[in-house]
């Protein structure tokens, strides 16, 4: 079967029209996605700004809106955990930190995250989990430039766990 010149022009015109329509649709969808991303990013940035300014209530409210829209956002859950920990609700903060770890298991290689996780677990009286985290910190021999006594702090937290467990053992007897 051979195509004559008008048929070939018609087929080429159809292909070009489909490509143009596809590009227009992709552009419209991308613009909508960009608007949504910018709104979410604005809420996130607002939450971080409120947290750094000390407005923990406002920060928690803003970050909860981000988490409603993106419940599996590692950064949003992390900011929520730190904000809630600053407010003193370490049991809830531990839940958010655990979710961060569930979302990104490679966070176990992040020394700052791990020491914060250990501190929150100790504060939430999740001593067994804290011990696992802090022993990982100790075994890895991590240090941070802006936290020169990292390993001493790990040792302090481990001692605090031991003391708390000894007190619990004495109280249970």
C-alpha atoms as a PDB file:
ATOM      1  CA  UNK A   1       0.000   0.000   0.000  1.00  0.00           C
ATOM      2  CA  UNK A   2       1.457   3.324  -1.018  1.00  0.00           C
ATOM      3  CA  UNK A   3       0.387   6.704   0.266  1.00  0.00           C
ATOM      4  CA  UNK A   4       0.019   9.570  -2.077  1.00  0.00           C
ATOM      5  CA  UNK A   5       1.199  13.073  -1.252  1.00  0.00           C
ATOM      6  CA  UNK A   6      -2.058  14.454   0.267  1.00  0.00           C
ATOM      7  CA  UNK A   7      -2.393  11.411   2.586  1.00  0.00           C
ATOM      8  CA  UNK A   8       1.181  11.808   3.818  1.00  0.00           C
ATOM      9  CA  UNK A   9       0.612  15.519   4.504  1.00  0.00           C
ATOM     10  CA  UNK A  10      -2.597  14.678   6.395  1.00  0.00           C
ATOM     11  CA  UNK A  11      -0.808  12.020   8.513  1.00  0.00           C
ATOM     12  CA  UNK A  12       2.065  14.402   9.280  1.00  0.00           C
ATOM     13  CA  UNK A  13      -0.407  17.135  10.234  1.00  0.00           C
ATOM     14  CA  UNK A  14      -2.197  14.724  12.615  1.00  0.00           C
ATOM     15  CA  UNK A  15       1.076  13.699  14.267  1.00  0.00           C
ATOM     16  CA  UNK A  16       2.142  17.331  14.704  1.00  0.00           C
ATOM     17  CA  UNK A  17      -1.297  18.207  16.124  1.00  0.00           C
ATOM     18  CA  UNK A  18      -1.089  15.329  18.648  1.00  0.00           C
ATOM     19  CA  UNK A  19       2.375  16.429  19.773  1.00  0.00           C
ATOM     20  CA  UNK A  20       1.245  20.043  20.194  1.00  0.00           C
ATOM     21  CA  UNK A  21      -1.864  18.992  22.142  1.00  0.00           C
ATOM     22  CA  UNK A  22       0.288  16.754  24.335  1.00  0.00           C
ATOM     23  CA  UNK A  23       2.681  19.618  25.084  1.00  0.00           C
ATOM     24  CA  UNK A  24      -0.195  21.955  25.967  1.00  0.00           C
ATOM     25  CA  UNK A  25      -1.769  19.398  28.318  1.00  0.00           C
ATOM     26  CA  UNK A  26       1.596  18.689  29.945  1.00  0.00           C
ATOM     27  CA  UNK A  27       2.205  22.403  30.431  1.00  0.00           C
ATOM     28  CA  UNK A  28      -1.202  22.976  32.055  1.00  0.00           C
ATOM     29  CA  UNK A  29      -0.761  19.999  34.386  1.00  0.00           C
ATOM     30  CA  UNK A  30       2.782  21.069  35.284  1.00  0.00           C
ATOM     31  CA  UNK A  31       1.596  24.586  36.143  1.00  0.00           C
ATOM     32  CA  UNK A  32      -1.064  23.191  38.480  1.00  0.00           C
ATOM     33  CA  UNK A  33       1.533  20.944  40.113  1.00  0.00           C
ATOM     34  CA  UNK A  34       3.934  23.896  40.484  1.00  0.00           C
ATOM     35  CA  UNK A  35       1.225  25.958  42.195  1.00  0.00           C
ATOM     36  CA  UNK A  36       0.491  23.117  44.624  1.00  0.00           C
ATOM     37  CA  UNK A  37       4.196  22.607  45.322  1.00  0.00           C
ATOM     38  CA  UNK A  38       4.726  26.318  45.966  1.00  0.00           C
ATOM     39  CA  UNK A  39       1.779  26.386  48.382  1.00  0.00           C
ATOM     40  CA  UNK A  40       3.111  23.333  50.267  1.00  0.00           C
ATOM     41  CA  UNK A  41       6.624  24.766  50.312  1.00  0.00           C
ATOM     42  CA  UNK A  42       5.275  28.064  51.618  1.00  0.00           C
ATOM     43  CA  UNK A  43       3.474  26.288  54.464  1.00  0.00           C
ATOM     44  CA  UNK A  44       6.615  24.309  55.267  1.00  0.00           C
ATOM     45  CA  UNK A  45       8.835  27.405  55.231  1.00  0.00           C
ATOM     46  CA  UNK A  46       6.309  29.226  57.403  1.00  0.00           C
ATOM     47  CA  UNK A  47       6.400  26.391  59.944  1.00  0.00           C
ATOM     48  CA  UNK A  48      10.208  26.408  60.044  1.00  0.00           C
ATOM     49  CA  UNK A  49      10.249  30.201  60.428  1.00  0.00           C
ATOM     50  CA  UNK A  50       7.692  30.095  63.251  1.00  0.00           C
ATOM     51  CA  UNK A  51       9.690  27.362  64.990  1.00  0.00           C
ATOM     52  CA  UNK A  52      12.927  29.315  64.778  1.00  0.00           C
ATOM     53  CA  UNK A  53      11.137  32.407  66.120  1.00  0.00           C
ATOM     54  CA  UNK A  54       9.878  30.419  69.102  1.00  0.00           C
ATOM     55  CA  UNK A  55       6.206  30.322  68.063  1.00  0.00           C
ATOM     56  CA  UNK A  56       5.853  26.595  68.640  1.00  0.00           C
ATOM     57  CA  UNK A  57       2.042  26.622  68.570  1.00  0.00           C
ATOM     58  CA  UNK A  58       2.000  28.358  65.191  1.00  0.00           C
ATOM     59  CA  UNK A  59       4.764  26.116  63.880  1.00  0.00           C
ATOM     60  CA  UNK A  60       2.912  22.982  64.935  1.00  0.00           C
ATOM     61  CA  UNK A  61      -0.286  24.220  63.295  1.00  0.00           C
ATOM     62  CA  UNK A  62       1.508  25.078  60.036  1.00  0.00           C
ATOM     63  CA  UNK A  63       3.459  21.827  59.852  1.00  0.00           C
ATOM     64  CA  UNK A  64       0.342  19.785  60.596  1.00  0.00           C
ATOM     65  CA  UNK A  65      -1.249  21.329  57.484  1.00  0.00           C
ATOM     66  CA  UNK A  66       1.741  20.201  55.428  1.00  0.00           C
ATOM     67  CA  UNK A  67       1.529  16.691  56.914  1.00  0.00           C
ATOM     68  CA  UNK A  68      -2.201  16.540  56.118  1.00  0.00           C
ATOM     69  CA  UNK A  69      -1.349  17.121  52.457  1.00  0.00           C
ATOM     70  CA  UNK A  70       1.880  15.105  52.395  1.00  0.00           C
ATOM     71  CA  UNK A  71       1.803  12.564  55.231  1.00  0.00           C
ATOM     72  CA  UNK A  72       4.928  10.820  53.926  1.00  0.00           C
ATOM     73  CA  UNK A  73       7.089  13.928  53.775  1.00  0.00           C
ATOM     74  CA  UNK A  74      10.301  13.137  55.592  1.00  0.00           C
ATOM     75  CA  UNK A  75      11.149  16.793  56.246  1.00  0.00           C
ATOM     76  CA  UNK A  76       7.654  17.734  57.422  1.00  0.00           C
ATOM     77  CA  UNK A  77       7.581  14.853  59.897  1.00  0.00           C
ATOM     78  CA  UNK A  78      11.083  15.766  61.065  1.00  0.00           C
ATOM     79  CA  UNK A  79      10.134  19.410  61.664  1.00  0.00           C
ATOM     80  CA  UNK A  80       6.972  18.257  63.430  1.00  0.00           C
ATOM     81  CA  UNK A  81       9.022  15.994  65.702  1.00  0.00           C
ATOM     82  CA  UNK A  82      11.474  18.730  66.623  1.00  0.00           C
ATOM     83  CA  UNK A  83       8.715  21.288  67.190  1.00  0.00           C
ATOM     84  CA  UNK A  84       6.697  18.948  69.378  1.00  0.00           C
ATOM     85  CA  UNK A  85       9.838  17.941  71.285  1.00  0.00           C
ATOM     86  CA  UNK A  86      10.550  21.607  71.963  1.00  0.00           C
ATOM     87  CA  UNK A  87       7.016  21.910  73.336  1.00  0.00           C
ATOM     88  CA  UNK A  88       7.844  19.061  75.719  1.00  0.00           C
ATOM     89  CA  UNK A  89       5.588  16.318  74.322  1.00  0.00           C
ATOM     90  CA  UNK A  90       8.368  13.795  73.808  1.00  0.00           C
ATOM     91  CA  UNK A  91       6.066  10.791  73.403  1.00  0.00           C
ATOM     92  CA  UNK A  92       4.389  12.404  70.381  1.00  0.00           C
ATOM     93  CA  UNK A  93       7.758  13.638  69.093  1.00  0.00           C
ATOM     94  CA  UNK A  94       9.056  10.050  69.261  1.00  0.00           C
ATOM     95  CA  UNK A  95       6.178   8.930  67.040  1.00  0.00           C
ATOM     96  CA  UNK A  96       7.081  11.518  64.398  1.00  0.00           C
ATOM     97  CA  UNK A  97      10.791  10.649  64.610  1.00  0.00           C
ATOM     98  CA  UNK A  98       9.944   6.981  64.150  1.00  0.00           C
ATOM     99  CA  UNK A  99       7.865   7.911  61.109  1.00  0.00           C
ATOM    100  CA  UNK A 100      10.842   9.808  59.651  1.00  0.00           C
ATOM    101  CA  UNK A 101      12.901   6.666  60.087  1.00  0.00           C
ATOM    102  CA  UNK A 102      10.151   4.555  58.484  1.00  0.00           C
ATOM    103  CA  UNK A 103      10.029   6.917  55.492  1.00  0.00           C
ATOM    104  CA  UNK A 104      13.819   7.039  55.137  1.00  0.00           C
ATOM    105  CA  UNK A 105      15.623   4.117  56.782  1.00  0.00           C
ATOM    106  CA  UNK A 106      18.959   5.604  55.679  1.00  0.00           C
ATOM    107  CA  UNK A 107      18.583   8.260  58.392  1.00  0.00           C
ATOM    108  CA  UNK A 108      20.372   5.763  60.651  1.00  0.00           C
ATOM    109  CA  UNK A 109      23.535   7.024  58.933  1.00  0.00           C
ATOM    110  CA  UNK A 110      22.851  10.652  59.918  1.00  0.00           C
ATOM    111  CA  UNK A 111      24.665  11.415  63.196  1.00  0.00           C
ATOM    112  CA  UNK A 112      22.586  14.511  63.996  1.00  0.00           C
ATOM    113  CA  UNK A 113      19.294  12.699  63.432  1.00  0.00           C
ATOM    114  CA  UNK A 114      20.439   9.745  65.496  1.00  0.00           C
ATOM    115  CA  UNK A 115      21.473  11.806  68.540  1.00  0.00           C
ATOM    116  CA  UNK A 116      18.179  13.709  68.370  1.00  0.00           C
ATOM    117  CA  UNK A 117      16.297  10.424  68.079  1.00  0.00           C
ATOM    118  CA  UNK A 118      18.186   9.065  71.091  1.00  0.00           C
ATOM    119  CA  UNK A 119      17.456  12.188  73.145  1.00  0.00           C
ATOM    120  CA  UNK A 120      13.760  12.096  72.290  1.00  0.00           C
ATOM    121  CA  UNK A 121      13.514   8.379  73.065  1.00  0.00           C
ATOM    122  CA  UNK A 122      15.203   8.941  76.437  1.00  0.00           C
ATOM    123  CA  UNK A 123      12.835  11.817  77.200  1.00  0.00           C
ATOM    124  CA  UNK A 124       9.854   9.689  76.164  1.00  0.00           C
ATOM    125  CA  UNK A 125      11.123   6.913  78.447  1.00  0.00           C
ATOM    126  CA  UNK A 126      11.545   4.524  75.514  1.00  0.00           C
ATOM    127  CA  UNK A 127      14.752   3.254  77.032  1.00  0.00           C
ATOM    128  CA  UNK A 128      15.229   0.087  74.995  1.00  0.00           C
ATOM    129  CA  UNK A 129      14.821   1.951  71.699  1.00  0.00           C
ATOM    130  CA  UNK A 130      17.052   4.768  72.953  1.00  0.00           C
ATOM    131  CA  UNK A 131      19.733   2.304  73.957  1.00  0.00           C
ATOM    132  CA  UNK A 132      19.762   0.745  70.472  1.00  0.00           C
ATOM    133  CA  UNK A 133      20.046   4.177  68.840  1.00  0.00           C
ATOM    134  CA  UNK A 134      22.719   5.453  71.201  1.00  0.00           C
ATOM    135  CA  UNK A 135      24.803   2.286  70.964  1.00  0.00           C
ATOM    136  CA  UNK A 136      24.717   2.750  67.180  1.00  0.00           C
ATOM    137  CA  UNK A 137      25.993   6.314  67.696  1.00  0.00           C
ATOM    138  CA  UNK A 138      28.729   5.038  69.980  1.00  0.00           C
ATOM    139  CA  UNK A 139      29.799   2.194  67.696  1.00  0.00           C
ATOM    140  CA  UNK A 140      29.930   4.504  64.687  1.00  0.00           C
ATOM    141  CA  UNK A 141      32.236   6.910  66.567  1.00  0.00           C
ATOM    142  CA  UNK A 142      30.485   9.881  64.984  1.00  0.00           C
ATOM    143  CA  UNK A 143      31.483  13.453  65.684  1.00  0.00           C
ATOM    144  CA  UNK A 144      30.068  16.697  64.372  1.00  0.00           C
ATOM    145  CA  UNK A 145      32.028  19.904  63.863  1.00  0.00           C
ATOM    146  CA  UNK A 146      29.378  21.952  65.665  1.00  0.00           C
ATOM    147  CA  UNK A 147      28.932  19.305  68.394  1.00  0.00           C
ATOM    148  CA  UNK A 148      32.479  18.457  69.547  1.00  0.00           C
ATOM    149  CA  UNK A 149      31.346  16.532  72.648  1.00  0.00           C
ATOM    150  CA  UNK A 150      29.017  14.258  70.655  1.00  0.00           C
ATOM    151  CA  UNK A 151      30.427  11.004  72.042  1.00  0.00           C
ATOM    152  CA  UNK A 152      30.437  12.357  75.613  1.00  0.00           C
ATOM    153  CA  UNK A 153      26.776  13.260  75.222  1.00  0.00           C
ATOM    154  CA  UNK A 154      26.027   9.756  73.934  1.00  0.00           C
ATOM    155  CA  UNK A 155      27.781   8.298  76.984  1.00  0.00           C
ATOM    156  CA  UNK A 156      25.820  10.657  79.260  1.00  0.00           C
ATOM    157  CA  UNK A 157      22.500   9.574  77.721  1.00  0.00           C
ATOM    158  CA  UNK A 158      23.432   5.886  78.039  1.00  0.00           C
ATOM    159  CA  UNK A 159      24.305   6.456  81.708  1.00  0.00           C
ATOM    160  CA  UNK A 160      20.987   8.252  82.175  1.00  0.00           C
ATOM    161  CA  UNK A 161      19.198   5.197  80.730  1.00  0.00           C
ATOM    162  CA  UNK A 162      21.090   2.884  83.082  1.00  0.00           C
ATOM    163  CA  UNK A 163      20.199   5.051  86.089  1.00  0.00           C
ATOM    164  CA  UNK A 164      16.543   5.199  85.070  1.00  0.00           C
ATOM    165  CA  UNK A 165      16.381   1.446  84.583  1.00  0.00           C
ATOM    166  CA  UNK A 166      18.070   0.870  87.943  1.00  0.00           C
ATOM    167  CA  UNK A 167      15.535   3.161  89.634  1.00  0.00           C
ATOM    168  CA  UNK A 168      12.672   1.349  87.920  1.00  0.00           C
ATOM    169  CA  UNK A 169      14.115  -1.994  89.058  1.00  0.00           C
ATOM    170  CA  UNK A 170      14.414  -0.719  92.633  1.00  0.00           C
ATOM    171  CA  UNK A 171      10.869   0.694  92.581  1.00  0.00           C
ATOM    172  CA  UNK A 172       9.450  -2.561  91.240  1.00  0.00           C
ATOM    173  CA  UNK A 173      10.964  -4.617  94.065  1.00  0.00           C
END
